[in-house]
Amino acid sequence: MKDFLRTLFGVRTKRRAHPVTPPPRAGESIVRQGFKIPVSHPMRAELWDWLLLSGWRVVPVRHDRRSSISLPDDALRQLELADAADRETLLREMLQRARRRPPPDTARH
């Protein structure tokens, strides 16, 4: 009911972006618009600054149950090795491939 009234009267508040944090530790994940990148190793501050400017943030909760599309485990390493000028293109390609990839099979055998 509350949701219906907010929609009816146009009373919506836009969510604030997650705060800027220090670089994530190995084992954590970073997220942006339904995509998730696992952090497999400590990252350079320069790469983290670029990711922050691109909208990536550390997952704000310990056990994140939101559905998201995970990028490959080596995605962070690929971005780190890429030339700074090519990172945007590389990230865009990774996101497109992840979107097209079929979801993992959850059926039990």
N, C-alpha and C. Protein backbone atom coordinates (compact mmCIF):
# COMPACT_ATOMS: atom_id res chain seq x y z
N MET A 1 0.82 -1.18 0.00
CA MET A 1 0.00 0.00 0.00
C MET A 1 0.87 1.26 0.00
N LYS A 2 1.90 1.22 0.85
CA LYS A 2 2.80 2.37 0.95
C LYS A 2 3.48 2.63 -0.39
N ASP A 3 3.89 1.54 -1.06
CA ASP A 3 4.55 1.67 -2.36
C ASP A 3 3.59 2.27 -3.39
N PHE A 4 2.34 1.82 -3.35
CA PHE A 4 1.33 2.34 -4.27
C PHE A 4 1.11 3.84 -4.08
N LEU A 5 1.02 4.28 -2.83
CA LEU A 5 0.81 5.70 -2.55
C LEU A 5 2.01 6.54 -2.98
N ARG A 6 3.21 6.03 -2.74
CA ARG A 6 4.41 6.77 -3.17
C ARG A 6 4.43 6.91 -4.69
N THR A 7 4.06 5.85 -5.38
CA THR A 7 4.02 5.91 -6.84
C THR A 7 2.93 6.87 -7.30
N LEU A 8 1.79 6.79 -6.69
CA LEU A 8 0.66 7.63 -7.07
C LEU A 8 0.96 9.12 -6.92
N PHE A 9 1.60 9.49 -5.82
CA PHE A 9 1.89 10.89 -5.56
C PHE A 9 3.28 11.32 -6.02
N GLY A 10 4.02 10.41 -6.61
CA GLY A 10 5.34 10.76 -7.11
C GLY A 10 6.34 11.06 -6.01
N VAL A 11 6.14 10.45 -4.85
CA VAL A 11 7.04 10.67 -3.73
C VAL A 11 8.07 9.56 -3.72
N ARG A 12 9.16 9.80 -4.40
CA ARG A 12 10.24 8.82 -4.46
C ARG A 12 11.53 9.52 -4.10
N THR A 13 12.35 8.85 -3.36
CA THR A 13 13.65 9.41 -3.04
C THR A 13 14.71 8.58 -3.74
N LYS A 14 15.61 9.27 -4.40
CA LYS A 14 16.67 8.59 -5.11
C LYS A 14 17.70 8.10 -4.10
N ARG A 15 18.15 6.88 -4.29
CA ARG A 15 19.15 6.33 -3.38
C ARG A 15 20.48 7.03 -3.59
N ARG A 16 21.17 7.24 -2.49
CA ARG A 16 22.50 7.83 -2.57
C ARG A 16 23.49 6.76 -3.00
N ALA A 17 24.55 7.19 -3.66
CA ALA A 17 25.60 6.26 -4.05
C ALA A 17 26.33 5.78 -2.80
N HIS A 18 26.86 4.58 -2.88
CA HIS A 18 27.65 4.07 -1.76
C HIS A 18 28.85 4.97 -1.55
N PRO A 19 29.29 5.12 -0.34
CA PRO A 19 30.42 6.01 -0.07
C PRO A 19 31.72 5.47 -0.67
N VAL A 20 32.64 6.38 -0.92
CA VAL A 20 33.96 6.01 -1.41
C VAL A 20 34.70 5.33 -0.27
N THR A 21 35.31 4.20 -0.58
CA THR A 21 36.00 3.42 0.45
C THR A 21 37.44 3.19 0.02
N PRO A 22 38.27 2.74 0.94
CA PRO A 22 39.63 2.35 0.54
C PRO A 22 39.56 1.13 -0.36
N PRO A 23 40.66 0.80 -1.05
CA PRO A 23 40.63 -0.36 -1.94
C PRO A 23 40.21 -1.63 -1.20
N PRO A 24 39.42 -2.47 -1.88
CA PRO A 24 38.95 -3.69 -1.23
C PRO A 24 40.09 -4.69 -1.02
N ARG A 25 39.91 -5.53 -0.03
CA ARG A 25 40.89 -6.59 0.24
C ARG A 25 40.58 -7.80 -0.63
N ALA A 26 41.57 -8.65 -0.77
CA ALA A 26 41.37 -9.90 -1.50
C ALA A 26 40.27 -10.70 -0.83
N GLY A 27 39.38 -11.27 -1.62
CA GLY A 27 38.26 -12.03 -1.09
C GLY A 27 36.96 -11.26 -1.08
N GLU A 28 37.02 -9.93 -1.15
CA GLU A 28 35.81 -9.12 -1.21
C GLU A 28 35.35 -9.03 -2.67
N SER A 29 34.25 -8.36 -2.89
CA SER A 29 33.74 -8.14 -4.24
C SER A 29 33.40 -6.68 -4.41
N ILE A 30 33.42 -6.23 -5.66
CA ILE A 30 32.98 -4.87 -5.96
C ILE A 30 31.79 -4.99 -6.92
N VAL A 31 30.87 -4.03 -6.83
CA VAL A 31 29.63 -4.10 -7.61
C VAL A 31 29.36 -2.78 -8.32
N ARG A 32 28.62 -2.91 -9.42
CA ARG A 32 28.11 -1.74 -10.14
C ARG A 32 26.95 -2.19 -11.01
N GLN A 33 25.81 -1.62 -10.83
CA GLN A 33 24.63 -1.83 -11.67
C GLN A 33 24.36 -3.29 -11.99
N GLY A 34 24.35 -4.14 -10.98
CA GLY A 34 24.01 -5.54 -11.18
C GLY A 34 25.16 -6.42 -11.63
N PHE A 35 26.36 -5.90 -11.67
CA PHE A 35 27.53 -6.69 -12.02
C PHE A 35 28.44 -6.76 -10.80
N LYS A 36 29.16 -7.88 -10.71
CA LYS A 36 30.05 -8.10 -9.57
C LYS A 36 31.40 -8.58 -10.07
N ILE A 37 32.47 -8.01 -9.52
CA ILE A 37 33.83 -8.47 -9.81
C ILE A 37 34.45 -8.97 -8.52
N PRO A 38 34.86 -10.25 -8.49
CA PRO A 38 35.56 -10.74 -7.30
C PRO A 38 36.98 -10.17 -7.25
N VAL A 39 37.39 -9.76 -6.07
CA VAL A 39 38.74 -9.22 -5.89
C VAL A 39 39.63 -10.37 -5.46
N SER A 40 40.53 -10.77 -6.36
CA SER A 40 41.35 -11.94 -6.12
C SER A 40 42.72 -11.60 -5.51
N HIS A 41 43.10 -10.35 -5.57
CA HIS A 41 44.41 -9.94 -5.06
C HIS A 41 44.36 -8.44 -4.74
N PRO A 42 45.29 -7.94 -3.94
CA PRO A 42 45.31 -6.50 -3.65
C PRO A 42 45.50 -5.71 -4.95
N MET A 43 44.78 -4.62 -5.09
CA MET A 43 44.90 -3.85 -6.33
C MET A 43 45.62 -2.53 -6.09
N ARG A 44 46.19 -2.02 -7.15
CA ARG A 44 46.89 -0.74 -7.08
C ARG A 44 45.88 0.38 -6.86
N ALA A 45 46.32 1.42 -6.19
CA ALA A 45 45.45 2.57 -5.90
C ALA A 45 44.98 3.24 -7.19
N GLU A 46 45.83 3.27 -8.21
CA GLU A 46 45.46 3.90 -9.48
C GLU A 46 44.28 3.18 -10.13
N LEU A 47 44.28 1.84 -10.09
CA LEU A 47 43.17 1.06 -10.66
C LEU A 47 41.91 1.27 -9.83
N TRP A 48 42.04 1.28 -8.51
CA TRP A 48 40.88 1.48 -7.65
C TRP A 48 40.27 2.86 -7.88
N ASP A 49 41.10 3.89 -8.05
CA ASP A 49 40.58 5.23 -8.33
C ASP A 49 39.80 5.24 -9.64
N TRP A 50 40.32 4.54 -10.65
CA TRP A 50 39.62 4.47 -11.94
C TRP A 50 38.29 3.75 -11.79
N LEU A 51 38.28 2.65 -11.03
CA LEU A 51 37.04 1.91 -10.82
C LEU A 51 36.02 2.74 -10.04
N LEU A 52 36.49 3.49 -9.04
CA LEU A 52 35.59 4.37 -8.28
C LEU A 52 34.94 5.41 -9.20
N LEU A 53 35.74 6.00 -10.07
CA LEU A 53 35.20 7.00 -11.01
C LEU A 53 34.23 6.37 -12.00
N SER A 54 34.38 5.07 -12.24
CA SER A 54 33.47 4.36 -13.14
C SER A 54 32.21 3.88 -12.42
N GLY A 55 32.13 4.10 -11.11
CA GLY A 55 30.92 3.75 -10.37
C GLY A 55 30.99 2.46 -9.58
N TRP A 56 32.12 1.79 -9.54
CA TRP A 56 32.26 0.54 -8.79
C TRP A 56 32.43 0.85 -7.31
N ARG A 57 31.81 0.02 -6.46
CA ARG A 57 31.92 0.18 -5.02
C ARG A 57 32.08 -1.18 -4.37
N VAL A 58 32.63 -1.20 -3.17
CA VAL A 58 32.75 -2.43 -2.39
C VAL A 58 31.34 -2.86 -1.99
N VAL A 59 31.08 -4.16 -2.01
CA VAL A 59 29.79 -4.68 -1.58
C VAL A 59 29.58 -4.25 -0.14
N PRO A 60 28.48 -3.54 0.16
CA PRO A 60 28.32 -2.94 1.48
C PRO A 60 27.93 -3.90 2.60
N VAL A 61 27.60 -5.14 2.28
CA VAL A 61 27.20 -6.09 3.31
C VAL A 61 28.07 -7.35 3.22
N ARG A 62 28.16 -8.05 4.33
CA ARG A 62 29.03 -9.22 4.37
C ARG A 62 28.52 -10.36 3.48
N HIS A 63 27.26 -10.70 3.59
CA HIS A 63 26.67 -11.78 2.79
C HIS A 63 25.63 -11.16 1.86
N ASP A 64 26.08 -10.76 0.70
CA ASP A 64 25.22 -10.09 -0.28
C ASP A 64 24.39 -11.14 -1.01
N ARG A 65 23.07 -11.09 -0.86
CA ARG A 65 22.20 -12.07 -1.49
C ARG A 65 21.53 -11.52 -2.74
N ARG A 66 21.86 -10.29 -3.10
CA ARG A 66 21.26 -9.73 -4.31
C ARG A 66 21.75 -10.49 -5.53
N SER A 67 20.87 -10.62 -6.51
CA SER A 67 21.30 -11.31 -7.72
C SER A 67 22.14 -10.34 -8.55
N SER A 68 23.23 -10.86 -9.08
CA SER A 68 24.11 -10.05 -9.91
C SER A 68 24.82 -10.96 -10.88
N ILE A 69 25.34 -10.37 -11.91
CA ILE A 69 26.09 -11.11 -12.92
C ILE A 69 27.56 -10.99 -12.57
N SER A 70 28.19 -12.13 -12.32
CA SER A 70 29.60 -12.12 -11.95
C SER A 70 30.48 -12.12 -13.18
N LEU A 71 31.51 -11.30 -13.14
CA LEU A 71 32.52 -11.29 -14.18
C LEU A 71 33.53 -12.38 -13.86
N PRO A 72 34.33 -12.80 -14.83
CA PRO A 72 35.31 -13.87 -14.58
C PRO A 72 36.25 -13.50 -13.44
N ASP A 73 36.81 -14.54 -12.81
CA ASP A 73 37.71 -14.33 -11.68
C ASP A 73 38.95 -13.53 -12.06
N ASP A 74 39.36 -13.61 -13.33
CA ASP A 74 40.56 -12.89 -13.76
C ASP A 74 40.26 -11.51 -14.34
N ALA A 75 39.03 -11.03 -14.20
CA ALA A 75 38.65 -9.73 -14.76
C ALA A 75 39.49 -8.60 -14.18
N LEU A 76 39.72 -8.63 -12.90
CA LEU A 76 40.51 -7.59 -12.26
C LEU A 76 41.95 -7.60 -12.76
N ARG A 77 42.51 -8.78 -12.93
CA ARG A 77 43.88 -8.91 -13.44
C ARG A 77 43.96 -8.36 -14.86
N GLN A 78 42.96 -8.66 -15.69
CA GLN A 78 42.94 -8.15 -17.07
C GLN A 78 42.90 -6.63 -17.09
N LEU A 79 42.08 -6.04 -16.22
CA LEU A 79 42.00 -4.58 -16.17
C LEU A 79 43.31 -3.97 -15.70
N GLU A 80 43.95 -4.65 -14.77
CA GLU A 80 45.21 -4.16 -14.24
C GLU A 80 46.32 -4.19 -15.30
N LEU A 81 46.33 -5.22 -16.11
CA LEU A 81 47.35 -5.36 -17.14
C LEU A 81 47.09 -4.50 -18.38
N ALA A 82 45.84 -4.10 -18.57
CA ALA A 82 45.49 -3.30 -19.74
C ALA A 82 46.04 -1.89 -19.63
N ASP A 83 46.29 -1.29 -20.77
CA ASP A 83 46.71 0.10 -20.83
C ASP A 83 45.56 0.97 -20.33
N ALA A 84 45.87 2.04 -19.63
CA ALA A 84 44.83 2.90 -19.05
C ALA A 84 43.84 3.40 -20.11
N ALA A 85 44.33 3.63 -21.32
CA ALA A 85 43.46 4.12 -22.39
C ALA A 85 42.50 3.04 -22.90
N ASP A 86 42.85 1.77 -22.71
CA ASP A 86 42.05 0.67 -23.23
C ASP A 86 41.13 0.04 -22.19
N ARG A 87 41.22 0.47 -20.95
CA ARG A 87 40.44 -0.15 -19.88
C ARG A 87 38.94 -0.03 -20.10
N GLU A 88 38.49 1.13 -20.51
CA GLU A 88 37.05 1.34 -20.70
C GLU A 88 36.49 0.37 -21.74
N THR A 89 37.21 0.22 -22.85
CA THR A 89 36.78 -0.70 -23.90
C THR A 89 36.79 -2.14 -23.40
N LEU A 90 37.85 -2.52 -22.70
CA LEU A 90 37.97 -3.87 -22.16
C LEU A 90 36.84 -4.16 -21.18
N LEU A 91 36.56 -3.23 -20.29
CA LEU A 91 35.48 -3.43 -19.32
C LEU A 91 34.14 -3.56 -20.02
N ARG A 92 33.88 -2.73 -21.00
CA ARG A 92 32.62 -2.79 -21.76
C ARG A 92 32.47 -4.17 -22.42
N GLU A 93 33.55 -4.68 -23.01
CA GLU A 93 33.50 -6.01 -23.64
C GLU A 93 33.24 -7.11 -22.61
N MET A 94 33.88 -7.01 -21.45
CA MET A 94 33.65 -8.00 -20.40
C MET A 94 32.20 -8.00 -19.93
N LEU A 95 31.62 -6.80 -19.79
CA LEU A 95 30.24 -6.70 -19.35
C LEU A 95 29.29 -7.28 -20.40
N GLN A 96 29.57 -7.04 -21.68
CA GLN A 96 28.72 -7.59 -22.74
C GLN A 96 28.81 -9.11 -22.78
N ARG A 97 30.02 -9.66 -22.64
CA ARG A 97 30.18 -11.12 -22.63
C ARG A 97 29.46 -11.73 -21.43
N ALA A 98 29.55 -11.08 -20.28
CA ALA A 98 28.89 -11.59 -19.08
C ALA A 98 27.37 -11.57 -19.23
N ARG A 99 26.84 -10.56 -19.89
CA ARG A 99 25.40 -10.48 -20.13
C ARG A 99 24.92 -11.62 -21.02
N ARG A 100 25.72 -11.97 -22.01
CA ARG A 100 25.33 -13.02 -22.97
C ARG A 100 25.53 -14.42 -22.42
N ARG A 101 26.40 -14.56 -21.42
CA ARG A 101 26.71 -15.88 -20.87
C ARG A 101 25.46 -16.45 -20.19
N PRO A 102 25.15 -17.72 -20.47
CA PRO A 102 23.98 -18.31 -19.81
C PRO A 102 24.21 -18.44 -18.32
N PRO A 103 23.16 -18.36 -17.52
CA PRO A 103 23.32 -18.49 -16.06
C PRO A 103 23.80 -19.89 -15.72
N PRO A 104 24.51 -20.04 -14.61
CA PRO A 104 25.00 -21.37 -14.23
C PRO A 104 23.83 -22.32 -13.96
N ASP A 105 24.05 -23.57 -14.27
CA ASP A 105 23.02 -24.59 -14.08
C ASP A 105 22.86 -24.85 -12.60
N THR A 106 21.66 -24.64 -12.09
CA THR A 106 21.41 -24.82 -10.66
C THR A 106 20.72 -26.14 -10.37
N ALA A 107 20.44 -26.91 -11.41
CA ALA A 107 19.76 -28.20 -11.21
C ALA A 107 20.72 -29.18 -10.53
N ARG A 108 20.19 -29.94 -9.60
CA ARG A 108 21.00 -30.94 -8.90
C ARG A 108 20.86 -32.27 -9.61
N HIS A 109 21.97 -32.97 -9.71
CA HIS A 109 21.95 -34.28 -10.40
C HIS A 109 21.90 -35.40 -9.41
